[in-house]
Amino acid sequence: AIAVALLVGHDALPQESVEGVMLWGELSLGGALRPAAGTLVAVDRARRDGLRAVIVPEANAAEAGLVEGVEVFAAPSLQAALAHLRGEVPLSPVPATPLLARAQSDARDPVDLADVRGMPEARLALEVMVAGGHNLLLHGPPGVGKTMLARRAVTLFPPLARGQALEVARVRSVALGHALTS
């Protein structure tokens, strides 16, 4: 965004080409656009502010596509973004991905607590934790099933509504630099 603003300020790029457009990402010394944390939050803010388009790094395209109501373009470099803004080589719009469909398709290893055989106390502890909104500490030597149980605990929660899923994705986007994309 700063590089483009400088180009507009020096009349190397028409100001009209950037009106209503948000530019998001980090610029490398070689001119490539690198991903930035918080993309989902930034693109959602652009939508709420009524901007017409957002240009993001290619690595943030899937995350930015979760936001409906704003046109998203993914650029590999500053040069590609400038060519798009000048109307020389347009970027293809990133297809919108409904958030809940994306979350469901990201289930790489479908698991269920019903798959756990034995361990009745651990299963009961998970059920009480979820039902009561409590915390649970899983402690023990490697191989006793801590990770297996933790992965299955989420299957006890009801599905998130769209607003709830978007809020969870926003937090993940800021904290981890991506939302449901890895």
Protein backbone atom coordinates (compact mmCIF):
# COMPACT_ATOMS: atom_id res chain seq x y z
CA ALA A 1 0.00 0.00 0.00
CA ILE A 2 2.83 2.42 0.81
CA ALA A 3 4.64 1.71 -2.46
CA VAL A 4 1.43 2.26 -4.45
CA ALA A 5 0.69 5.46 -2.51
CA LEU A 6 4.16 6.75 -3.40
CA LEU A 7 3.56 5.95 -7.07
CA VAL A 8 0.23 7.77 -6.98
CA GLY A 9 1.89 10.72 -5.22
CA HIS A 10 4.52 10.91 -7.99
CA ASP A 11 1.87 10.65 -10.75
CA ALA A 12 3.22 7.28 -11.89
CA LEU A 13 -0.20 5.73 -11.27
CA PRO A 14 -3.57 7.45 -11.67
CA GLN A 15 -5.31 8.16 -8.37
CA GLU A 16 -8.64 6.94 -9.79
CA SER A 17 -7.21 3.45 -10.17
CA VAL A 18 -6.80 3.03 -6.42
CA GLU A 19 -10.01 4.66 -5.24
CA GLY A 20 -12.12 2.12 -3.38
CA VAL A 21 -9.30 -0.44 -3.42
CA MET A 22 -7.51 -1.79 -0.36
CA LEU A 23 -4.01 -3.19 -0.78
CA TRP A 24 -2.92 -5.79 1.78
CA GLY A 25 0.31 -7.68 2.30
CA GLU A 26 4.01 -7.20 2.78
CA LEU A 27 6.36 -6.15 0.00
CA SER A 28 9.64 -8.05 -0.21
CA LEU A 29 12.83 -6.39 -1.38
CA GLY A 30 12.49 -8.28 -4.67
CA GLY A 31 8.98 -6.93 -5.30
CA ALA A 32 7.07 -10.09 -4.37
CA LEU A 33 3.98 -9.79 -2.19
CA ARG A 34 4.32 -11.82 0.97
CA PRO A 35 1.40 -12.93 3.16
CA ALA A 36 0.36 -10.86 6.16
CA ALA A 37 -1.40 -11.88 9.36
CA GLY A 38 -4.94 -10.64 9.89
CA THR A 39 -6.00 -10.81 6.24
CA LEU A 40 -9.50 -12.00 7.05
CA VAL A 41 -10.05 -9.13 9.48
CA ALA A 42 -8.66 -6.56 7.03
CA VAL A 43 -10.73 -7.78 4.08
CA ASP A 44 -13.88 -7.93 6.20
CA ARG A 45 -13.18 -4.35 7.31
CA ALA A 46 -12.81 -3.29 3.67
CA ARG A 47 -16.20 -4.86 2.92
CA ARG A 48 -17.84 -3.08 5.86
CA ASP A 49 -16.27 0.21 4.76
CA GLY A 50 -17.83 -0.21 1.32
CA LEU A 51 -14.61 -0.62 -0.67
CA ARG A 52 -15.06 -2.17 -4.09
CA ALA A 53 -11.96 -4.37 -4.24
CA VAL A 54 -9.03 -5.76 -2.29
CA ILE A 55 -5.66 -6.89 -3.64
CA VAL A 56 -3.90 -9.46 -1.45
CA PRO A 57 -0.81 -11.67 -1.83
CA GLU A 58 -1.48 -15.00 -3.52
CA ALA A 59 -0.75 -16.83 -0.27
CA ASN A 60 -3.68 -15.01 1.39
CA ALA A 61 -6.14 -15.56 -1.47
CA ALA A 62 -8.07 -18.47 0.07
CA GLU A 63 -8.44 -16.61 3.37
CA ALA A 64 -9.55 -13.40 1.67
CA GLY A 65 -12.06 -15.39 -0.40
CA LEU A 66 -13.96 -16.23 2.79
CA VAL A 67 -15.34 -12.68 2.87
CA GLU A 68 -18.41 -12.19 0.73
CA GLY A 69 -19.43 -8.82 -0.67
CA VAL A 70 -16.07 -7.47 -1.85
CA GLU A 71 -14.11 -8.37 -4.98
CA VAL A 72 -10.76 -9.95 -4.08
CA PHE A 73 -7.75 -10.18 -6.37
CA ALA A 74 -4.55 -12.10 -5.61
CA ALA A 75 -1.26 -10.74 -6.92
CA PRO A 76 2.13 -12.46 -6.83
CA SER A 77 4.06 -9.20 -6.97
CA LEU A 78 3.86 -5.42 -6.86
CA GLN A 79 4.41 -5.40 -10.62
CA ALA A 80 1.33 -7.60 -11.18
CA ALA A 81 -0.76 -5.42 -8.84
CA LEU A 82 0.32 -2.28 -10.70
CA ALA A 83 -0.46 -3.84 -14.10
CA HIS A 84 -3.93 -4.67 -12.76
CA LEU A 85 -4.49 -1.17 -11.38
CA ARG A 86 -3.39 0.37 -14.68
CA GLY A 87 -5.76 -1.95 -16.57
CA GLU A 88 -2.93 -3.51 -18.57
CA VAL A 89 -3.09 -7.11 -17.29
CA PRO A 90 -6.15 -7.70 -15.13
CA LEU A 91 -5.93 -10.17 -12.27
CA SER A 92 -8.57 -12.88 -12.04
CA PRO A 93 -10.97 -12.45 -9.13
CA VAL A 94 -10.60 -14.89 -6.27
CA PRO A 95 -13.74 -17.05 -6.09
CA ALA A 96 -15.70 -16.58 -2.88
CA THR A 97 -15.63 -19.61 -0.62
CA PRO A 98 -18.52 -19.85 1.85
CA LEU A 99 -16.98 -20.03 5.30
CA LEU A 100 -18.88 -23.03 6.60
CA ALA A 101 -18.27 -25.05 3.46
CA ARG A 102 -14.58 -24.24 3.74
CA ALA A 103 -14.46 -25.32 7.38
CA GLN A 104 -16.16 -28.60 6.57
CA SER A 105 -13.88 -29.33 3.62
CA ASP A 106 -10.83 -28.73 5.81
CA ALA A 107 -11.61 -31.78 7.94
CA ARG A 108 -8.55 -33.80 6.91
CA ASP A 109 -9.02 -36.66 9.34
CA PRO A 110 -12.67 -37.14 10.29
CA VAL A 111 -12.75 -38.40 13.84
CA ASP A 112 -15.45 -39.22 16.34
CA LEU A 113 -15.42 -39.93 20.07
CA ALA A 114 -17.39 -43.09 19.30
CA ASP A 115 -14.18 -44.49 17.76
CA VAL A 116 -12.47 -44.54 21.17
CA ARG A 117 -12.50 -48.00 22.75
CA GLY A 118 -12.00 -48.28 26.48
CA MET A 119 -10.84 -45.25 28.46
CA PRO A 120 -14.29 -44.67 30.06
CA GLU A 121 -12.97 -42.15 32.61
CA ALA A 122 -11.25 -40.08 29.91
CA ARG A 123 -14.37 -40.13 27.73
CA LEU A 124 -16.51 -39.04 30.68
CA ALA A 125 -14.06 -36.25 31.47
CA LEU A 126 -14.33 -34.96 27.87
CA GLU A 127 -18.11 -35.09 27.97
CA VAL A 128 -18.26 -33.22 31.30
CA MET A 129 -15.78 -30.63 30.00
CA VAL A 130 -17.84 -29.89 26.91
CA ALA A 131 -21.23 -29.98 28.62
CA GLY A 132 -20.13 -27.78 31.50
CA GLY A 133 -17.80 -25.43 29.63
CA HIS A 134 -14.86 -26.51 31.78
CA ASN A 135 -11.15 -26.80 31.08
CA LEU A 136 -9.38 -30.14 30.96
CA LEU A 137 -5.72 -31.02 31.43
CA LEU A 138 -4.59 -34.11 29.58
CA HIS A 139 -1.42 -35.40 31.22
CA GLY A 140 0.56 -38.59 30.80
CA PRO A 141 3.41 -40.28 28.99
CA PRO A 142 3.58 -40.40 25.19
CA GLY A 143 1.24 -42.87 23.54
CA VAL A 144 -1.53 -43.02 26.13
CA GLY A 145 -4.08 -41.19 23.92
CA LYS A 146 -3.96 -37.52 24.94
CA THR A 147 -3.85 -36.19 21.38
CA MET A 148 -6.40 -38.74 20.18
CA LEU A 149 -8.86 -37.59 22.85
CA ALA A 150 -8.20 -33.89 22.26
CA ARG A 151 -8.89 -34.26 18.52
CA ARG A 152 -12.17 -35.96 19.26
CA ALA A 153 -13.32 -33.45 21.88
CA VAL A 154 -14.27 -30.93 19.18
CA THR A 155 -16.74 -33.42 17.71
CA LEU A 156 -18.85 -33.04 20.85
CA PHE A 157 -19.54 -29.36 20.18
CA PRO A 158 -22.50 -28.32 18.02
CA PRO A 159 -21.72 -26.84 14.60
CA LEU A 160 -20.97 -23.12 14.59
CA ALA A 161 -23.39 -20.65 13.05
CA ARG A 162 -21.95 -18.53 10.23
CA GLY A 163 -21.31 -15.53 12.50
CA GLN A 164 -19.62 -17.69 15.11
CA ALA A 165 -17.46 -19.41 12.49
CA LEU A 166 -16.42 -16.05 11.07
CA GLU A 167 -15.46 -14.80 14.53
CA VAL A 168 -13.34 -17.91 15.20
CA ALA A 169 -11.69 -17.51 11.79
CA ARG A 170 -10.92 -13.83 12.51
CA VAL A 171 -9.15 -14.72 15.76
CA ARG A 172 -7.18 -17.47 14.03
CA SER A 173 -6.27 -15.10 11.19
CA VAL A 174 -4.74 -12.58 13.57
CA ALA A 175 -3.14 -15.13 15.90
CA LEU A 176 -1.72 -17.55 13.34
CA GLY A 177 -1.61 -15.50 10.15
CA HIS A 178 -4.24 -17.59 8.37
CA ALA A 179 -7.81 -18.68 8.74
CA LEU A 180 -8.84 -22.20 7.84
CA THR A 181 -6.30 -22.34 5.07
CA SER A 182 -3.66 -24.67 6.40
